C-alpha cells in the first residue's frame, strides 16, 4: 500500500543558505498537490530534495518505504537538452530504463507500452521526429509519455505547463488526473493559480518558508498570497547562514 510522504522540519538549500526553510507537513497517498509561491521561493528545490538530488541541511523526508524506482521526476524544460540527437520514439522508450537497465533488451511488450504511451499523449505519427524539431508543447508530451512508462507511484512535476499551449495543457492535465484515479501521488509546481483552483485539491504555498499547506480553498487566500509576496520581496540573498531552530 502506498504511504504518505512525511516531511519534518526540513531545511534544504545551497552553500548552507536555505532555499526551503523549516518545512513540515505531509503529502497524502493518492493526492494531487500543487506547490505554489513567488519565483525563487524554493519550489523546485523541494522537489529535488524529495527525489534525493539535494541532501537536507536539516530535518527529514520520510518516503514511506518507497524505493528510488517508485518515484518519477519531470524537471523544467530548461534543464533538458533539446539538441541531443534522438527521435521521439527512442526518447520515450528511455522510460523503460529503470526496469531494463543499460543493457536490457526492449521486447515486444515494452514496444507496445511505448506506442500506447505515445497515443495517450497525442503523439501518434511523431515517432521518427527528432526532438530538436518539436515545439515546447510537443516536447512536453514526449516527456509525459516517458513518465507513463516509468509506472511510478509518486510523480513530481516541475512547472509542467509553463510555456505550453492551451490544448497541450488540457491534454496533459487529463493525464495527471488519470494518474490520480489510478491511485498515484502527484506533486506539481504550478504558477497559474486559476489552474490550481480548478484542478488541484491540495496546495502547499512556499516563500522559502512555508506559508500554508492544506485544501486549496483554504490556502489561496489574499492574506496568504500577500504574505508570500512580502517575504519574497524582503529576501536578502546575502543574509547570514541560517542557524534558526523551529
Protein backbone atom coordinates (compact mmCIF):
# COMPACT_ATOMS: atom_id res chain seq x y z
CA UNK A 1 0.00 0.00 0.00
CA UNK A 2 1.24 3.48 -0.91
CA UNK A 3 2.12 5.55 2.16
CA UNK A 4 2.30 9.28 2.76
CA UNK A 5 5.46 11.32 2.24
CA UNK A 6 6.18 12.93 5.61
CA UNK A 7 8.39 15.99 5.86
CA UNK A 8 9.66 17.11 9.27
CA UNK A 9 11.43 20.41 9.92
CA UNK A 10 13.11 20.26 6.51
CA UNK A 11 15.71 22.82 5.54
CA UNK A 12 17.44 22.41 2.20
CA UNK A 13 19.47 24.82 0.11
CA UNK A 14 22.79 25.70 -1.45
CA UNK A 15 26.10 26.65 0.19
CA UNK A 16 24.41 26.47 3.61
CA UNK A 17 21.88 29.14 2.64
CA UNK A 18 18.35 27.69 2.84
CA UNK A 19 16.08 27.72 -0.17
CA UNK A 20 13.41 25.82 1.79
CA UNK A 21 13.31 26.74 5.44
CA UNK A 22 11.86 24.55 8.26
CA UNK A 23 9.06 22.85 6.34
CA UNK A 24 6.87 20.23 7.98
CA UNK A 25 3.84 18.50 6.52
CA UNK A 26 2.53 15.50 4.61
CA UNK A 27 1.79 14.61 1.00
CA UNK A 28 -1.08 12.17 1.39
CA UNK A 29 -1.03 9.00 -0.74
CA UNK A 30 -3.05 9.34 -3.92
CA UNK A 31 -3.36 13.11 -3.52
CA UNK A 32 -2.86 15.81 -6.16
CA UNK A 33 -0.95 18.73 -4.65
CA UNK A 34 0.18 22.00 -6.22
CA UNK A 35 3.28 23.75 -4.90
CA UNK A 36 2.96 27.48 -5.41
CA UNK A 37 4.85 30.63 -4.46
CA UNK A 38 6.84 33.53 -5.88
CA UNK A 39 9.86 32.98 -8.11
CA UNK A 40 12.83 31.77 -6.08
CA UNK A 41 10.66 30.54 -3.22
CA UNK A 42 12.14 27.04 -3.07
CA UNK A 43 9.54 25.09 -5.02
CA UNK A 44 11.94 23.33 -7.40
CA UNK A 45 14.41 22.82 -4.56
CA UNK A 46 11.78 20.92 -2.59
CA UNK A 47 11.12 18.50 -5.46
CA UNK A 48 14.85 17.87 -5.86
CA UNK A 49 15.14 17.15 -2.15
CA UNK A 50 12.27 14.62 -2.30
CA UNK A 51 13.99 12.93 -5.25
CA UNK A 52 17.28 12.79 -3.36
CA UNK A 53 19.07 15.10 -5.80
CA UNK A 54 19.71 17.55 -2.95
CA UNK A 55 20.51 16.48 0.60
CA UNK A 56 18.72 18.17 3.50
CA UNK A 57 20.69 20.62 5.58
CA UNK A 58 18.40 19.73 8.47
CA UNK A 59 15.23 17.74 9.07
CA UNK A 60 13.97 14.62 7.34
CA UNK A 61 11.94 13.34 4.38
CA UNK A 62 10.22 10.01 5.04
CA UNK A 63 9.19 8.41 1.75
CA UNK A 64 7.17 5.73 3.48
CA UNK A 65 9.32 2.88 2.23
CA UNK A 66 9.29 3.94 -1.41
CA UNK A 67 12.23 2.73 -3.47
CA UNK A 68 14.03 5.02 -5.91
CA UNK A 69 12.32 3.42 -8.90
CA UNK A 70 8.90 4.22 -7.46
CA UNK A 71 9.44 7.96 -7.84
CA UNK A 72 9.41 9.78 -11.18
CA UNK A 73 10.59 13.36 -11.70
CA UNK A 74 9.94 15.78 -14.54
CA UNK A 75 12.33 18.76 -14.36
CA UNK A 76 11.73 22.10 -16.01
CA UNK A 77 12.19 22.04 -19.78
CA UNK A 78 15.09 24.49 -19.49
CA UNK A 79 17.10 21.80 -17.68
CA UNK A 80 16.76 19.29 -20.56
CA UNK A 81 18.96 19.27 -23.66
CA UNK A 82 16.64 19.59 -26.67
CA UNK A 83 19.53 19.32 -29.11
CA UNK A 84 20.50 15.75 -28.25
CA UNK A 85 20.30 13.68 -31.49
CA UNK A 86 17.45 11.34 -30.59
CA UNK A 87 13.99 10.86 -32.03
CA UNK A 88 10.65 10.83 -30.24
CA UNK A 89 10.28 7.05 -30.17
CA UNK A 90 13.70 6.44 -28.66
CA UNK A 91 13.30 9.29 -26.17
CA UNK A 92 10.04 7.87 -24.86
CA UNK A 93 11.44 4.33 -24.78
CA UNK A 94 14.04 5.53 -22.27
CA UNK A 95 11.21 5.36 -19.75
CA UNK A 96 11.81 1.60 -19.61
CA UNK A 97 15.38 2.12 -18.41
CA UNK A 98 14.62 1.76 -14.64
CA UNK A 99 13.32 -1.75 -15.33
CA UNK A 100 15.72 -2.90 -18.08
CA UNK A 101 18.96 -1.20 -17.04
CA UNK A 102 21.61 -0.05 -19.51
CA UNK A 103 21.98 -3.45 -21.20
CA UNK A 104 18.38 -4.70 -21.14
CA UNK A 105 16.58 -5.54 -24.35
CA UNK A 106 13.38 -3.76 -25.36
CA UNK A 107 10.98 -6.54 -26.30
CA UNK A 108 7.52 -6.66 -27.82
CA UNK A 109 5.82 -5.89 -24.52
CA UNK A 110 7.94 -2.79 -23.98
CA UNK A 111 7.42 -1.56 -27.54
CA UNK A 112 3.66 -2.00 -27.16
CA UNK A 113 3.72 0.08 -23.97
CA UNK A 114 5.80 2.73 -25.70
CA UNK A 115 3.29 3.09 -28.53
CA UNK A 116 0.41 3.14 -26.04
CA UNK A 117 2.12 5.96 -24.14
CA UNK A 118 2.60 7.94 -27.36
CA UNK A 119 -1.08 7.50 -28.17
CA UNK A 120 -2.10 8.60 -24.67
CA UNK A 121 -0.36 11.97 -25.10
CA UNK A 122 -1.40 12.52 -28.72
CA UNK A 123 1.92 11.82 -30.45
CA UNK A 124 1.00 9.07 -32.90
CA UNK A 125 2.83 9.86 -36.14
CA UNK A 126 5.67 11.71 -34.41
CA UNK A 127 7.78 8.62 -33.69
CA UNK A 128 10.64 9.45 -36.08
CA UNK A 129 10.70 13.18 -35.49
CA UNK A 130 13.96 14.49 -33.92
CA UNK A 131 13.22 16.02 -30.52
CA UNK A 132 15.02 19.19 -31.61
CA UNK A 133 12.29 19.83 -34.20
CA UNK A 134 9.44 19.79 -31.68
CA UNK A 135 7.54 22.73 -30.24
CA UNK A 136 7.55 23.24 -26.46
CA UNK A 137 4.13 21.61 -26.20
CA UNK A 138 5.11 18.61 -28.32
CA UNK A 139 8.29 18.11 -26.34
CA UNK A 140 6.34 18.19 -23.08
CA UNK A 141 4.06 15.48 -24.45
CA UNK A 142 7.19 13.38 -25.10
CA UNK A 143 8.32 13.82 -21.51
CA UNK A 144 4.89 12.85 -20.18
CA UNK A 145 4.89 9.73 -22.38
CA UNK A 146 8.25 8.77 -20.91
CA UNK A 147 6.80 9.22 -17.41
CA UNK A 148 3.98 6.84 -18.38
CA UNK A 149 6.49 4.06 -18.90
CA UNK A 150 8.18 4.60 -15.55
CA UNK A 151 4.96 3.45 -13.85
CA UNK A 152 5.92 5.33 -10.66
CA UNK A 153 3.83 5.52 -7.51
CA UNK A 154 4.85 9.13 -6.88
CA UNK A 155 5.25 11.65 -9.72
CA UNK A 156 6.93 15.04 -9.21
CA UNK A 157 6.35 17.66 -11.91
CA UNK A 158 8.31 20.93 -12.03
CA UNK A 159 6.37 23.58 -13.96
CA UNK A 160 4.82 21.03 -16.33
CA UNK A 161 2.57 23.56 -18.10
CA UNK A 162 4.83 26.61 -18.32
CA UNK A 163 5.28 27.93 -21.90
CA UNK A 164 2.95 25.18 -23.17
CA UNK A 165 -0.06 25.88 -25.39
CA UNK A 166 -3.59 25.64 -24.05
CA UNK A 167 -4.53 22.44 -25.91
CA UNK A 168 -1.43 20.62 -24.66
CA UNK A 169 -2.06 21.83 -21.11
CA UNK A 170 -5.63 20.50 -21.22
CA UNK A 171 -4.49 17.15 -22.63
CA UNK A 172 -1.71 16.72 -20.08
CA UNK A 173 -3.94 17.75 -17.20
CA UNK A 174 -6.21 14.86 -18.20
CA UNK A 175 -3.18 12.58 -17.99
CA UNK A 176 -2.41 13.87 -14.48
CA UNK A 177 -6.00 13.33 -13.36
CA UNK A 178 -5.87 9.79 -14.74
CA UNK A 179 -2.76 9.13 -12.66
CA UNK A 180 -4.70 10.25 -9.59
CA UNK A 181 -7.61 7.94 -10.49
CA UNK A 182 -5.06 5.13 -10.62
CA UNK A 183 -4.05 5.90 -7.02
CA UNK A 184 -0.73 7.61 -7.73
CA UNK A 185 0.54 10.62 -5.77
CA UNK A 186 1.29 13.71 -7.86
CA UNK A 187 3.08 16.86 -6.66
CA UNK A 188 3.41 19.68 -9.20
CA UNK A 189 4.99 23.13 -9.15
CA UNK A 190 2.37 25.38 -10.74
CA UNK A 191 2.36 29.14 -11.44
CA UNK A 192 -1.18 29.55 -12.80
CA UNK A 193 -3.33 29.97 -9.66
CA UNK A 194 -6.60 29.68 -11.61
CA UNK A 195 -5.36 26.31 -12.85
CA UNK A 196 -4.60 25.33 -9.25
CA UNK A 197 -8.05 26.37 -8.03
CA UNK A 198 -9.74 24.38 -10.78
CA UNK A 199 -7.72 21.17 -10.77
CA UNK A 200 -5.65 20.74 -7.59
CA UNK A 201 -7.46 19.76 -4.37
CA UNK A 202 -4.40 20.48 -2.19
CA UNK A 203 -1.82 23.25 -2.18
CA UNK A 204 1.48 23.97 -0.46
CA UNK A 205 2.42 27.66 -0.55
CA UNK A 206 6.12 28.44 -0.11
CA UNK A 207 8.09 31.64 0.18
CA UNK A 208 11.30 29.85 1.18
CA UNK A 209 9.50 29.23 4.48
CA UNK A 210 6.09 27.53 4.50
CA UNK A 211 3.13 29.91 4.32
CA UNK A 212 0.28 27.40 4.34
CA UNK A 213 -0.46 23.78 3.41
CA UNK A 214 -3.83 22.13 3.05
CA UNK A 215 -7.04 22.17 0.96
CA UNK A 216 -6.62 24.64 -1.90
CA UNK A 217 -9.74 26.63 -0.99
CA UNK A 218 -8.19 27.50 2.38
CA UNK A 219 -4.66 28.20 1.08
CA UNK A 220 -5.08 30.54 -1.91
CA UNK A 221 -6.39 33.43 0.14
CA UNK A 222 -5.47 37.10 -0.39
CA UNK A 223 -3.80 37.18 3.03
CA UNK A 224 -1.57 34.16 2.29
CA UNK A 225 -0.68 35.49 -1.15
CA UNK A 226 0.26 38.88 0.29
CA UNK A 227 2.38 37.23 2.98
CA UNK A 228 4.25 35.13 0.42
CA UNK A 229 4.85 38.16 -1.80
CA UNK A 230 6.14 40.30 1.07
CA UNK A 231 8.52 37.59 2.30
CA UNK A 232 9.86 37.04 -1.22
CA UNK A 233 10.42 40.76 -1.75
CA UNK A 234 12.24 41.08 1.59
CA UNK A 235 14.55 38.12 0.98
CA UNK A 236 18.24 39.02 1.22
CA UNK A 237 20.39 36.75 -0.94
CA UNK A 238 23.46 37.81 1.09
CA UNK A 239 21.95 37.19 4.50
CA UNK A 240 23.98 35.19 7.05
CA UNK A 241 23.73 31.41 7.10
CA UNK A 242 20.59 30.26 8.89
CA UNK A 243 21.02 28.89 12.41
CA UNK A 244 17.36 29.15 13.44
CA UNK A 245 15.68 26.13 15.02
CA UNK A 246 11.94 25.70 14.68
